[in-house]
Amino acid sequence: MPRNSITSPDTADAARLRLERDVERAGFYPALVLDVVDDGLDGEPVIAHMVHQETHIDRRDVHRHVTVLVLGERTLQIVHIDDEDQDETGSRPIAQLTGESVHVADITAVIVGYAHGMPTHFARGDRMHEISVTIGWSGGLRVDVQPAGCPDPECDMDHGSMGTLNAEDIMLRVNEAADGREAVERARTFVRALRRARLAERSRAR
């Protein structure tokens, strides 16, 4: 079940404290997460952030994933952490983290999808039931590779590989039923902060 914590723009000290509080609240190796966040920020003050947690359960294991978005003065930090077991007993978990720094000026799109479960009863100003946020940026491409196919079902030759290039992006979904009513509205606040930062950075670049 995903959970989210989002803070609106605030003073640097208050925003930093809220980031630390929400990462601690997620309870998923917070010291590791904050270390990678700080490495990416490299001294930038925190403007806004979002902590998104998901838990997946399969037959044997429970897998947790946390994604942290941190908006600094000039960059957006994207940190993802998950864990897996090093052995069959599950007594030796290993945490794997990735961190990416995206210059705010390189963000090419901030796309927000909205869902409301009772559209006939919606009035202006009502809360949305779900929001999905997609952030795209330039400068990086993701390559998805798979074996090349053949129209002949009897053919067993190796036809090499084929791949597609996709622009880097990230998509997070905030749902009222899973995350709480306030989380959906706070997600909109985070998006507004990101949009303002993107417009301001592009204005400076002109």
Foldseek 3Di string as FASTA:
>chain_A
DKAKDKDFFDPLVVQVVSVLVVLVVVVDPSVVQVVLVCVQCVPFGFGMKMKMKDWDDDDPDIKIKIWMWTDGLFWIKIKIKIWDAPDPVSPRIDIDMDIDIGGLLFWDDWDKDFAAPCVVPDDPPDATQKIKIKIFGDDDKDKDKDFDDDPDPPDDDGPGMDIDIHTDMDMDMDGCVVHNRVRRVSVVSNSVNSVVSNVVVVVVVD
